[in-house]
Amino acid sequence: MRLKRVLALLLILLLLLSGCEKEEGGKKPGGGKKDPSSASVEEDPDWPVRIGEVDIPEAPKKVVSLSPGTTEMLFAMGLGSRVVGVSDYCDYPSAEVEKRHRCGSALSPDIEQIRSQGADLVVASAALTQRDLIRLQQLEIPVLVLKRAESLGELRQNYLDLALALMGATSGRNHGEGYWEELEGMIREGAASPDGTAPKAILLRQMGYGMATGETFEGALLEELGFVNDAKAYTGWLYDRANVAALEPDVIFADVAISVDEVKKSVIYQPVAAVKNDKVMNVDFTVFERQSPRMFEVLREMGKFGHG
C-alpha cells in the first residue's frame, strides 16, 4: 500500500512539473488567448483624408455643391448619388439637379437648408465668407473649395481633390487619376492634325477684339489643341486694334452669344482666312467658366473642326 501511495505522489509531481515547463515555454493560461485591450485596431487606408487645410474624417454620404462647376464634376465622375443639395444656379445635368434641394450659393449659402439635409460635406468653386465658413465649422461640416484653375496642372489637382474628398486616400486617388486620364485623352484626340500643321486660331468671347490672350487659361488651351494663338502677344482678353492688320486667324471660335453670320459679316473678319474658308465655329463659353468635363468634350470638337 505504501508503495502505491509513493508511486501516485511521484505521478502527480511529474504532471505538475510538466505543466510548469509548458508555461515557461511561452504558453499563457487560458488557451493562449490575447488580452483584448492589447489587440491592434485595423486602420482604414482611405480615411481620414486631409486636403489642404480641410480634414474629412470619413466618407461623406450627403454632399451639398454650391457651384455649377463642382456639381457637374460630381455627376460626371459618378458621384452624383451622394449629392443632396445644389446651388440656386446649378442647371446641369438638368434632370438630376431638379431633384435636389436648392441651397443658395457660395456667396450666400442657405445654412439652415444645408443643415436640414444632413450634409457632411460642402463643395464649391469660390470661397465662402468667413462668417458662413465659421457657421458651417460649428456644425462640423467640412467645406472644400476648388478654386478656378489657371493651368491644366491646377485643374487636374481639382479633379483629384474632389475624388479624394468623396472616396478617400487610396480609392480616390485611383479614381481621380483614371478620370483625369480620360479627360486628357479628349484633348489629345482634338490635337491630332492630319498634316502636322498648326493653324492660327482665336477664341472670341466678345464681338470685335475681346478674345483669349496669351496669359489666359483659354489661350493656353488653344495651344494644347495644336493651334497657334493669334492673340498670344496681348493680355487682358483684348487684342490691340491698332494691329488689326496682323490679325489673320485660320480658325475662329466664338461664344454662342456671337452668331457665325455675325462674325462673317464683320468688317474685321471678312478678309481673314477663317471666314474665306468657312472655318468659324460657335462654342459655349459657360463650359470654360465652369471648367467642367463638358469643356473637354468641346475642346475635342474644336480640335477636330480646326484641324479637319
C-alpha atoms as a PDB file:
ATOM      1  CA  MET A   1       0.000   0.000   0.000  1.00  0.00           C
ATOM      2  CA  ARG A   2       2.813   2.374   0.923  1.00  0.00           C
ATOM      3  CA  LEU A   3       4.455   1.670  -2.462  1.00  0.00           C
ATOM      4  CA  LYS A   4       1.251   2.530  -4.324  1.00  0.00           C
ATOM      5  CA  ARG A   5       0.931   5.827  -2.456  1.00  0.00           C
ATOM      6  CA  VAL A   6       4.545   6.718  -3.269  1.00  0.00           C
ATOM      7  CA  LEU A   7       4.024   5.942  -6.964  1.00  0.00           C
ATOM      8  CA  ALA A   8       0.845   8.023  -7.007  1.00  0.00           C
ATOM      9  CA  LEU A   9       2.662  11.006  -5.422  1.00  0.00           C
ATOM     10  CA  LEU A  10       5.500  10.686  -7.943  1.00  0.00           C
ATOM     11  CA  LEU A  11       2.984  10.699 -10.817  1.00  0.00           C
ATOM     12  CA  ILE A  12       1.305  13.842  -9.508  1.00  0.00           C
ATOM     13  CA  LEU A  13       4.697  15.552  -9.120  1.00  0.00           C
ATOM     14  CA  LEU A  14       5.668  14.673 -12.695  1.00  0.00           C
ATOM     15  CA  LEU A  15       2.394  16.135 -14.027  1.00  0.00           C
ATOM     16  CA  LEU A  16       2.925  19.364 -12.068  1.00  0.00           C
ATOM     17  CA  LEU A  17       6.480  19.718 -13.358  1.00  0.00           C
ATOM     18  CA  SER A  18       5.304  19.128 -16.937  1.00  0.00           C
ATOM     19  CA  GLY A  19       2.687  21.918 -16.620  1.00  0.00           C
ATOM     20  CA  CYS A  20       5.294  24.358 -15.308  1.00  0.00           C
ATOM     21  CA  GLU A  21       7.604  23.634 -18.244  1.00  0.00           C
ATOM     22  CA  LYS A  22       4.819  24.398 -20.741  1.00  0.00           C
ATOM     23  CA  GLU A  23       4.114  27.769 -19.101  1.00  0.00           C
ATOM     24  CA  GLU A  24       7.824  28.641 -19.083  1.00  0.00           C
ATOM     25  CA  GLY A  25       7.929  27.722 -22.815  1.00  0.00           C
ATOM     26  CA  GLY A  26       5.657  30.683 -23.660  1.00  0.00           C
ATOM     27  CA  LYS A  27       2.082  29.438 -23.317  1.00  0.00           C
ATOM     28  CA  LYS A  28      -0.267  31.519 -21.211  1.00  0.00           C
ATOM     29  CA  PRO A  29      -3.085  30.190 -19.089  1.00  0.00           C
ATOM     30  CA  GLY A  30      -6.499  30.251 -20.712  1.00  0.00           C
ATOM     31  CA  GLY A  31      -5.580  28.636 -24.047  1.00  0.00           C
ATOM     32  CA  GLY A  32      -3.121  31.379 -25.067  1.00  0.00           C
ATOM     33  CA  LYS A  33      -5.817  33.984 -25.775  1.00  0.00           C
ATOM     34  CA  LYS A  34      -4.615  37.581 -26.269  1.00  0.00           C
ATOM     35  CA  ASP A  35      -5.610  40.360 -23.955  1.00  0.00           C
ATOM     36  CA  PRO A  36      -8.458  42.190 -25.781  1.00  0.00           C
ATOM     37  CA  SER A  37      -7.109  45.532 -24.568  1.00  0.00           C
ATOM     38  CA  SER A  38      -3.828  44.932 -26.401  1.00  0.00           C
ATOM     39  CA  ALA A  39      -5.384  43.944 -29.756  1.00  0.00           C
ATOM     40  CA  SER A  40      -4.417  46.337 -32.578  1.00  0.00           C
ATOM     41  CA  VAL A  41      -7.257  48.172 -34.354  1.00  0.00           C
ATOM     42  CA  GLU A  42      -7.220  47.704 -38.136  1.00  0.00           C
ATOM     43  CA  GLU A  43      -6.764  51.077 -39.803  1.00  0.00           C
ATOM     44  CA  ASP A  44      -8.838  52.226 -42.806  1.00  0.00           C
ATOM     45  CA  PRO A  45      -6.408  53.041 -45.660  1.00  0.00           C
ATOM     46  CA  ASP A  46      -8.805  55.636 -47.105  1.00  0.00           C
ATOM     47  CA  TRP A  47      -9.852  57.692 -44.066  1.00  0.00           C
ATOM     48  CA  PRO A  48      -9.344  60.230 -42.723  1.00  0.00           C
ATOM     49  CA  VAL A  49      -8.038  62.446 -45.559  1.00  0.00           C
ATOM     50  CA  ARG A  50      -6.579  65.938 -45.429  1.00  0.00           C
ATOM     51  CA  ILE A  51      -6.915  68.189 -48.493  1.00  0.00           C
ATOM     52  CA  GLY A  52      -5.057  71.438 -47.965  1.00  0.00           C
ATOM     53  CA  GLU A  53      -6.335  72.618 -44.594  1.00  0.00           C
ATOM     54  CA  VAL A  54      -9.579  70.627 -44.758  1.00  0.00           C
ATOM     55  CA  ASP A  55      -9.919  67.423 -42.733  1.00  0.00           C
ATOM     56  CA  ILE A  56     -12.522  64.872 -43.802  1.00  0.00           C
ATOM     57  CA  PRO A  57     -12.825  62.138 -41.150  1.00  0.00           C
ATOM     58  CA  GLU A  58     -14.896  59.602 -43.080  1.00  0.00           C
ATOM     59  CA  ALA A  59     -16.627  59.014 -46.411  1.00  0.00           C
ATOM     60  CA  PRO A  60     -19.231  61.770 -46.971  1.00  0.00           C
ATOM     61  CA  LYS A  61     -22.715  60.431 -47.633  1.00  0.00           C
ATOM     62  CA  LYS A  62     -24.602  63.704 -48.108  1.00  0.00           C
ATOM     63  CA  VAL A  63     -22.873  66.377 -50.174  1.00  0.00           C
ATOM     64  CA  VAL A  64     -24.025  69.916 -50.987  1.00  0.00           C
ATOM     65  CA  SER A  65     -22.478  71.585 -54.039  1.00  0.00           C
ATOM     66  CA  LEU A  66     -22.664  75.379 -54.078  1.00  0.00           C
ATOM     67  CA  SER A  67     -21.226  75.928 -57.575  1.00  0.00           C
ATOM     68  CA  PRO A  68     -22.429  74.750 -61.006  1.00  0.00           C
ATOM     69  CA  GLY A  69     -18.929  73.593 -61.933  1.00  0.00           C
ATOM     70  CA  THR A  70     -18.453  71.317 -58.913  1.00  0.00           C
ATOM     71  CA  THR A  71     -21.970  69.940 -59.417  1.00  0.00           C
ATOM     72  CA  GLU A  72     -21.147  68.958 -62.995  1.00  0.00           C
ATOM     73  CA  MET A  73     -17.888  67.383 -61.871  1.00  0.00           C
ATOM     74  CA  LEU A  74     -19.598  65.288 -59.188  1.00  0.00           C
ATOM     75  CA  PHE A  75     -22.196  63.844 -61.538  1.00  0.00           C
ATOM     76  CA  ALA A  76     -19.752  63.281 -64.387  1.00  0.00           C
ATOM     77  CA  MET A  77     -17.361  61.411 -62.072  1.00  0.00           C
ATOM     78  CA  GLY A  78     -20.107  59.042 -60.945  1.00  0.00           C
ATOM     79  CA  LEU A  79     -20.511  60.621 -57.501  1.00  0.00           C
ATOM     80  CA  GLY A  80     -23.889  62.261 -58.051  1.00  0.00           C
ATOM     81  CA  SER A  81     -25.810  59.789 -55.907  1.00  0.00           C
ATOM     82  CA  ARG A  82     -24.344  61.437 -52.805  1.00  0.00           C
ATOM     83  CA  VAL A  83     -25.433  64.954 -53.804  1.00  0.00           C
ATOM     84  CA  VAL A  84     -28.402  66.074 -51.691  1.00  0.00           C
ATOM     85  CA  GLY A  85     -28.251  69.811 -52.395  1.00  0.00           C
ATOM     86  CA  VAL A  86     -27.112  72.152 -55.162  1.00  0.00           C
ATOM     87  CA  SER A  87     -26.764  75.885 -55.684  1.00  0.00           C
ATOM     88  CA  ASP A  88     -29.547  78.104 -56.982  1.00  0.00           C
ATOM     89  CA  TYR A  89     -27.593  78.409 -60.256  1.00  0.00           C
ATOM     90  CA  CYS A  90     -26.917  74.749 -60.996  1.00  0.00           C
ATOM     91  CA  ASP A  91     -28.590  73.655 -64.226  1.00  0.00           C
ATOM     92  CA  TYR A  92     -26.641  70.638 -65.480  1.00  0.00           C
ATOM     93  CA  PRO A  93     -27.333  67.766 -65.641  1.00  0.00           C
ATOM     94  CA  SER A  94     -30.833  69.222 -65.605  1.00  0.00           C
ATOM     95  CA  ALA A  95     -32.751  66.006 -64.901  1.00  0.00           C
ATOM     96  CA  GLU A  96     -30.623  65.364 -61.808  1.00  0.00           C
ATOM     97  CA  VAL A  97     -30.276  68.836 -60.304  1.00  0.00           C
ATOM     98  CA  GLU A  98     -34.029  69.359 -60.421  1.00  0.00           C
ATOM     99  CA  LYS A  99     -34.387  66.503 -57.927  1.00  0.00           C
ATOM    100  CA  ARG A 100     -32.042  68.142 -55.412  1.00  0.00           C
ATOM    101  CA  HIS A 101     -32.720  70.782 -52.781  1.00  0.00           C
ATOM    102  CA  ARG A 102     -31.596  74.326 -53.560  1.00  0.00           C
ATOM    103  CA  CYS A 103     -29.112  75.631 -51.008  1.00  0.00           C
ATOM    104  CA  GLY A 104     -28.216  79.165 -52.094  1.00  0.00           C
ATOM    105  CA  SER A 105     -24.733  79.815 -53.473  1.00  0.00           C
ATOM    106  CA  ALA A 106     -21.122  80.104 -52.356  1.00  0.00           C
ATOM    107  CA  LEU A 107     -21.594  83.829 -51.776  1.00  0.00           C
ATOM    108  CA  SER A 108     -24.909  83.359 -49.989  1.00  0.00           C
ATOM    109  CA  PRO A 109     -25.374  79.784 -48.734  1.00  0.00           C
ATOM    110  CA  ASP A 110     -28.620  78.702 -47.105  1.00  0.00           C
ATOM    111  CA  ILE A 111     -27.058  77.338 -43.920  1.00  0.00           C
ATOM    112  CA  GLU A 112     -30.358  76.112 -42.478  1.00  0.00           C
ATOM    113  CA  GLN A 113     -31.174  74.187 -45.653  1.00  0.00           C
ATOM    114  CA  ILE A 114     -27.682  72.671 -45.694  1.00  0.00           C
ATOM    115  CA  ARG A 115     -28.076  71.629 -42.054  1.00  0.00           C
ATOM    116  CA  SER A 116     -31.558  70.191 -42.599  1.00  0.00           C
ATOM    117  CA  GLN A 117     -30.257  67.977 -45.412  1.00  0.00           C
ATOM    118  CA  GLY A 118     -27.801  66.384 -43.004  1.00  0.00           C
ATOM    119  CA  ALA A 119     -24.849  67.470 -45.141  1.00  0.00           C
ATOM    120  CA  ASP A 120     -21.459  66.091 -44.123  1.00  0.00           C
ATOM    121  CA  LEU A 121     -19.505  67.912 -46.865  1.00  0.00           C
ATOM    122  CA  VAL A 122     -19.926  71.198 -48.760  1.00  0.00           C
ATOM    123  CA  VAL A 123     -18.026  71.802 -52.009  1.00  0.00           C
ATOM    124  CA  ALA A 124     -17.756  74.995 -54.057  1.00  0.00           C
ATOM    125  CA  SER A 125     -15.568  76.693 -56.651  1.00  0.00           C
ATOM    126  CA  ALA A 126     -15.497  80.042 -54.831  1.00  0.00           C
ATOM    127  CA  ALA A 127     -14.541  80.869 -51.265  1.00  0.00           C
ATOM    128  CA  LEU A 128     -17.305  81.344 -48.696  1.00  0.00           C
ATOM    129  CA  THR A 129     -17.350  84.370 -46.432  1.00  0.00           C
ATOM    130  CA  GLN A 130     -15.575  83.950 -43.101  1.00  0.00           C
ATOM    131  CA  ARG A 131     -18.912  84.221 -41.304  1.00  0.00           C
ATOM    132  CA  ASP A 132     -20.526  81.410 -43.307  1.00  0.00           C
ATOM    133  CA  LEU A 133     -17.414  79.259 -43.062  1.00  0.00           C
ATOM    134  CA  ILE A 134     -17.410  79.559 -39.275  1.00  0.00           C
ATOM    135  CA  ARG A 135     -21.113  78.684 -39.077  1.00  0.00           C
ATOM    136  CA  LEU A 136     -20.540  75.505 -41.085  1.00  0.00           C
ATOM    137  CA  GLN A 137     -17.490  74.632 -38.974  1.00  0.00           C
ATOM    138  CA  GLN A 138     -19.632  74.983 -35.860  1.00  0.00           C
ATOM    139  CA  LEU A 139     -21.987  72.437 -37.429  1.00  0.00           C
ATOM    140  CA  GLU A 140     -18.933  70.191 -38.046  1.00  0.00           C
ATOM    141  CA  ILE A 141     -19.485  70.277 -41.825  1.00  0.00           C
ATOM    142  CA  PRO A 142     -16.177  70.358 -43.780  1.00  0.00           C
ATOM    143  CA  VAL A 143     -16.011  72.863 -46.656  1.00  0.00           C
ATOM    144  CA  LEU A 144     -13.845  72.082 -49.698  1.00  0.00           C
ATOM    145  CA  VAL A 145     -13.207  74.961 -52.124  1.00  0.00           C
ATOM    146  CA  LEU A 146     -11.839  74.055 -55.564  1.00  0.00           C
ATOM    147  CA  LYS A 147     -10.785  77.430 -56.928  1.00  0.00           C
ATOM    148  CA  ARG A 148     -10.817  78.159 -60.635  1.00  0.00           C
ATOM    149  CA  ALA A 149      -7.706  76.653 -62.195  1.00  0.00           C
ATOM    150  CA  GLU A 150      -5.243  78.730 -64.215  1.00  0.00           C
ATOM    151  CA  SER A 151      -3.469  75.742 -65.763  1.00  0.00           C
ATOM    152  CA  LEU A 152      -4.109  72.120 -66.648  1.00  0.00           C
ATOM    153  CA  GLY A 153      -1.956  71.119 -63.681  1.00  0.00           C
ATOM    154  CA  GLU A 154      -4.185  73.049 -61.264  1.00  0.00           C
ATOM    155  CA  LEU A 155      -7.308  71.667 -62.920  1.00  0.00           C
ATOM    156  CA  ARG A 156      -6.000  68.117 -62.602  1.00  0.00           C
ATOM    157  CA  GLN A 157      -5.496  68.737 -58.881  1.00  0.00           C
ATOM    158  CA  ASN A 158      -9.100  69.963 -58.529  1.00  0.00           C
ATOM    159  CA  TYR A 159     -10.474  66.756 -60.029  1.00  0.00           C
ATOM    160  CA  LEU A 160      -8.126  64.658 -57.918  1.00  0.00           C
ATOM    161  CA  ASP A 161      -9.040  66.523 -54.720  1.00  0.00           C
ATOM    162  CA  LEU A 162     -12.753  66.031 -55.362  1.00  0.00           C
ATOM    163  CA  ALA A 163     -12.248  62.284 -55.788  1.00  0.00           C
ATOM    164  CA  LEU A 164     -10.105  62.147 -52.634  1.00  0.00           C
ATOM    165  CA  ALA A 165     -12.754  64.046 -50.645  1.00  0.00           C
ATOM    166  CA  LEU A 166     -15.514  61.576 -51.505  1.00  0.00           C
ATOM    167  CA  MET A 167     -13.661  58.299 -51.953  1.00  0.00           C
ATOM    168  CA  GLY A 168     -10.658  58.535 -49.643  1.00  0.00           C
ATOM    169  CA  ALA A 169      -6.881  58.449 -49.973  1.00  0.00           C
ATOM    170  CA  THR A 170      -6.344  55.278 -51.987  1.00  0.00           C
ATOM    171  CA  SER A 171      -9.612  54.724 -53.828  1.00  0.00           C
ATOM    172  CA  GLY A 172      -9.993  58.437 -54.514  1.00  0.00           C
ATOM    173  CA  ARG A 173      -6.521  58.817 -55.974  1.00  0.00           C
ATOM    174  CA  ASN A 174      -7.023  55.836 -58.278  1.00  0.00           C
ATOM    175  CA  HIS A 175     -10.422  57.062 -59.442  1.00  0.00           C
ATOM    176  CA  GLY A 176      -9.327  60.681 -59.832  1.00  0.00           C
ATOM    177  CA  GLU A 177      -6.196  59.887 -61.809  1.00  0.00           C
ATOM    178  CA  GLY A 178      -8.075  57.458 -64.051  1.00  0.00           C
ATOM    179  CA  TYR A 179     -10.797  60.001 -64.756  1.00  0.00           C
ATOM    180  CA  TRP A 180      -8.268  62.750 -65.497  1.00  0.00           C
ATOM    181  CA  GLU A 181      -6.550  60.471 -67.998  1.00  0.00           C
ATOM    182  CA  GLU A 182      -9.862  60.197 -69.860  1.00  0.00           C
ATOM    183  CA  LEU A 183     -10.226  63.978 -69.954  1.00  0.00           C
ATOM    184  CA  GLU A 184      -6.683  64.462 -71.238  1.00  0.00           C
ATOM    185  CA  GLY A 185      -7.424  61.851 -73.877  1.00  0.00           C
ATOM    186  CA  MET A 186     -10.113  64.139 -75.320  1.00  0.00           C
ATOM    187  CA  ILE A 187      -7.544  66.922 -75.742  1.00  0.00           C
ATOM    188  CA  ARG A 188      -5.148  64.525 -77.437  1.00  0.00           C
ATOM    189  CA  GLU A 189      -7.894  63.467 -79.835  1.00  0.00           C
ATOM    190  CA  GLY A 190      -8.598  67.094 -80.731  1.00  0.00           C
ATOM    191  CA  ALA A 191      -4.921  67.970 -81.132  1.00  0.00           C
ATOM    192  CA  ALA A 192      -4.306  65.354 -83.800  1.00  0.00           C
ATOM    193  CA  SER A 193      -3.535  67.206 -87.044  1.00  0.00           C
ATOM    194  CA  PRO A 194      -3.650  65.062 -90.217  1.00  0.00           C
ATOM    195  CA  ASP A 195      -0.898  67.066 -91.930  1.00  0.00           C
ATOM    196  CA  GLY A 196       1.076  68.134 -88.856  1.00  0.00           C
ATOM    197  CA  THR A 197       0.386  71.838 -89.341  1.00  0.00           C
ATOM    198  CA  ALA A 198      -0.500  74.331 -86.581  1.00  0.00           C
ATOM    199  CA  PRO A 199      -3.254  76.681 -87.820  1.00  0.00           C
ATOM    200  CA  LYS A 200      -3.593  80.132 -86.268  1.00  0.00           C
ATOM    201  CA  ALA A 201      -6.774  80.443 -84.175  1.00  0.00           C
ATOM    202  CA  ILE A 202      -8.630  82.896 -81.921  1.00  0.00           C
ATOM    203  CA  LEU A 203     -11.273  82.359 -79.261  1.00  0.00           C
ATOM    204  CA  LEU A 204     -13.761  85.255 -79.235  1.00  0.00           C
ATOM    205  CA  ARG A 205     -15.615  85.991 -76.018  1.00  0.00           C
ATOM    206  CA  GLN A 206     -16.963  89.341 -77.212  1.00  0.00           C
ATOM    207  CA  MET A 207     -17.504  90.558 -80.742  1.00  0.00           C
ATOM    208  CA  GLY A 208     -14.679  92.705 -82.041  1.00  0.00           C
ATOM    209  CA  TYR A 209     -11.407  92.360 -80.141  1.00  0.00           C
ATOM    210  CA  GLY A 210     -12.412  90.531 -76.929  1.00  0.00           C
ATOM    211  CA  MET A 211     -10.538  87.257 -77.262  1.00  0.00           C
ATOM    212  CA  ALA A 212      -8.369  84.815 -75.277  1.00  0.00           C
ATOM    213  CA  THR A 213      -4.951  86.450 -74.951  1.00  0.00           C
ATOM    214  CA  GLY A 214      -1.588  84.963 -74.117  1.00  0.00           C
ATOM    215  CA  GLU A 215      -1.839  84.881 -70.310  1.00  0.00           C
ATOM    216  CA  THR A 216      -5.305  83.281 -70.178  1.00  0.00           C
ATOM    217  CA  PHE A 217      -6.012  79.631 -69.466  1.00  0.00           C
ATOM    218  CA  GLU A 218      -8.260  79.534 -72.540  1.00  0.00           C
ATOM    219  CA  GLY A 219      -5.400  80.843 -74.674  1.00  0.00           C
ATOM    220  CA  ALA A 220      -3.176  78.068 -73.347  1.00  0.00           C
ATOM    221  CA  LEU A 221      -5.879  75.523 -74.193  1.00  0.00           C
ATOM    222  CA  LEU A 222      -5.787  76.644 -77.837  1.00  0.00           C
ATOM    223  CA  GLU A 223      -2.117  75.759 -77.892  1.00  0.00           C
ATOM    224  CA  GLU A 224      -2.770  72.419 -76.169  1.00  0.00           C
ATOM    225  CA  LEU A 225      -5.029  71.678 -79.133  1.00  0.00           C
ATOM    226  CA  GLY A 226      -2.186  72.281 -81.550  1.00  0.00           C
ATOM    227  CA  PHE A 227      -3.156  75.794 -82.640  1.00  0.00           C
ATOM    228  CA  VAL A 228      -1.114  78.982 -82.665  1.00  0.00           C
ATOM    229  CA  ASN A 229      -2.984  81.545 -80.560  1.00  0.00           C
ATOM    230  CA  ASP A 230      -3.132  84.588 -82.844  1.00  0.00           C
ATOM    231  CA  ALA A 231      -3.680  86.838 -79.792  1.00  0.00           C
ATOM    232  CA  LYS A 232      -0.830  85.400 -77.728  1.00  0.00           C
ATOM    233  CA  ALA A 233       1.153  88.673 -77.704  1.00  0.00           C
ATOM    234  CA  TYR A 234      -1.619  90.538 -75.825  1.00  0.00           C
ATOM    235  CA  THR A 235      -3.191  90.452 -72.357  1.00  0.00           C
ATOM    236  CA  GLY A 236      -6.470  91.119 -70.577  1.00  0.00           C
ATOM    237  CA  TRP A 237      -8.741  89.425 -73.105  1.00  0.00           C
ATOM    238  CA  LEU A 238      -8.197  92.304 -75.540  1.00  0.00           C
ATOM    239  CA  TYR A 239      -6.437  92.361 -78.892  1.00  0.00           C
ATOM    240  CA  ASP A 240      -4.776  95.664 -79.811  1.00  0.00           C
ATOM    241  CA  ARG A 241      -6.991  97.108 -82.549  1.00  0.00           C
ATOM    242  CA  ALA A 242      -4.089  99.223 -83.782  1.00  0.00           C
ATOM    243  CA  ASN A 243      -2.556  95.959 -85.037  1.00  0.00           C
ATOM    244  CA  VAL A 244      -5.700  94.579 -86.627  1.00  0.00           C
ATOM    245  CA  ALA A 245      -3.918  94.203 -89.951  1.00  0.00           C
ATOM    246  CA  ALA A 246      -1.743  91.489 -88.365  1.00  0.00           C
ATOM    247  CA  LEU A 247      -4.799  89.529 -87.154  1.00  0.00           C
ATOM    248  CA  GLU A 248      -5.104  86.676 -89.624  1.00  0.00           C
ATOM    249  CA  PRO A 249      -6.631  83.570 -87.971  1.00  0.00           C
ATOM    250  CA  ASP A 250      -7.161  80.387 -89.940  1.00  0.00           C
ATOM    251  CA  VAL A 251      -9.870  79.329 -87.462  1.00  0.00           C
ATOM    252  CA  ILE A 252     -12.264  81.398 -85.351  1.00  0.00           C
ATOM    253  CA  PHE A 253     -14.073  80.030 -82.298  1.00  0.00           C
ATOM    254  CA  ALA A 254     -16.784  82.372 -80.996  1.00  0.00           C
ATOM    255  CA  ASP A 255     -19.081  82.275 -77.978  1.00  0.00           C
ATOM    256  CA  VAL A 256     -22.637  81.209 -78.745  1.00  0.00           C
ATOM    257  CA  ALA A 257     -23.743  84.778 -77.993  1.00  0.00           C
ATOM    258  CA  ILE A 258     -21.985  85.723 -81.254  1.00  0.00           C
ATOM    259  CA  SER A 259     -23.522  84.075 -84.296  1.00  0.00           C
ATOM    260  CA  VAL A 260     -21.358  82.654 -87.069  1.00  0.00           C
ATOM    261  CA  ASP A 261     -23.072  85.007 -89.530  1.00  0.00           C
ATOM    262  CA  GLU A 262     -22.209  87.981 -87.326  1.00  0.00           C
ATOM    263  CA  VAL A 263     -18.549  87.029 -87.474  1.00  0.00           C
ATOM    264  CA  LYS A 264     -18.641  86.510 -91.227  1.00  0.00           C
ATOM    265  CA  LYS A 265     -20.290  89.880 -91.846  1.00  0.00           C
ATOM    266  CA  SER A 266     -17.918  91.782 -89.569  1.00  0.00           C
ATOM    267  CA  VAL A 267     -15.570  94.194 -91.361  1.00  0.00           C
ATOM    268  CA  ILE A 268     -12.835  92.961 -89.011  1.00  0.00           C
ATOM    269  CA  TYR A 269     -13.069  89.323 -90.040  1.00  0.00           C
ATOM    270  CA  GLN A 270     -14.414  89.360 -93.598  1.00  0.00           C
ATOM    271  CA  PRO A 271     -10.877  89.486 -95.084  1.00  0.00           C
ATOM    272  CA  VAL A 272      -9.336  86.696 -92.933  1.00  0.00           C
ATOM    273  CA  ALA A 273      -8.709  83.099 -93.991  1.00  0.00           C
ATOM    274  CA  ALA A 274     -11.074  81.671 -91.373  1.00  0.00           C
ATOM    275  CA  VAL A 275     -14.091  83.382 -92.948  1.00  0.00           C
ATOM    276  CA  LYS A 276     -12.988  82.750 -96.515  1.00  0.00           C
ATOM    277  CA  ASN A 277     -12.561  79.021 -95.783  1.00  0.00           C
ATOM    278  CA  ASP A 278     -15.717  78.721 -93.657  1.00  0.00           C
ATOM    279  CA  LYS A 279     -13.726  77.939 -90.503  1.00  0.00           C
ATOM    280  CA  VAL A 280     -15.906  79.703 -87.910  1.00  0.00           C
ATOM    281  CA  MET A 281     -17.402  77.657 -85.052  1.00  0.00           C
ATOM    282  CA  ASN A 282     -19.620  78.524 -82.099  1.00  0.00           C
ATOM    283  CA  VAL A 283     -18.674  77.301 -78.618  1.00  0.00           C
ATOM    284  CA  ASP A 284     -20.474  77.668 -75.292  1.00  0.00           C
ATOM    285  CA  PHE A 285     -18.256  79.781 -73.044  1.00  0.00           C
ATOM    286  CA  THR A 286     -20.114  78.520 -69.975  1.00  0.00           C
ATOM    287  CA  VAL A 287     -18.106  75.302 -70.044  1.00  0.00           C
ATOM    288  CA  PHE A 288     -14.849  77.276 -69.877  1.00  0.00           C
ATOM    289  CA  GLU A 289     -16.104  79.283 -66.924  1.00  0.00           C
ATOM    290  CA  ARG A 290     -17.137  76.123 -65.066  1.00  0.00           C
ATOM    291  CA  GLN A 291     -14.139  74.049 -66.171  1.00  0.00           C
ATOM    292  CA  SER A 292     -16.463  71.079 -66.205  1.00  0.00           C
ATOM    293  CA  PRO A 293     -15.977  67.774 -68.047  1.00  0.00           C
ATOM    294  CA  ARG A 294     -18.107  69.224 -70.842  1.00  0.00           C
ATOM    295  CA  MET A 295     -15.237  71.633 -71.510  1.00  0.00           C
ATOM    296  CA  PHE A 296     -13.081  68.735 -72.636  1.00  0.00           C
ATOM    297  CA  GLU A 297     -15.801  67.491 -74.970  1.00  0.00           C
ATOM    298  CA  VAL A 298     -15.968  70.970 -76.508  1.00  0.00           C
ATOM    299  CA  LEU A 299     -12.176  71.104 -76.822  1.00  0.00           C
ATOM    300  CA  ARG A 300     -12.159  67.803 -78.683  1.00  0.00           C
ATOM    301  CA  GLU A 301     -14.744  69.122 -81.154  1.00  0.00           C
ATOM    302  CA  MET A 302     -12.823  72.396 -81.546  1.00  0.00           C
ATOM    303  CA  GLY A 303      -9.677  70.467 -82.403  1.00  0.00           C
ATOM    304  CA  LYS A 304     -11.402  68.247 -84.924  1.00  0.00           C
ATOM    305  CA  PHE A 305     -13.085  71.250 -86.554  1.00  0.00           C
ATOM    306  CA  GLY A 306      -9.893  73.303 -86.753  1.00  0.00           C
ATOM    307  CA  HIS A 307      -7.648  70.507 -87.958  1.00  0.00           C
ATOM    308  CA  GLY A 308     -10.211  68.756 -90.128  1.00  0.00           C
END
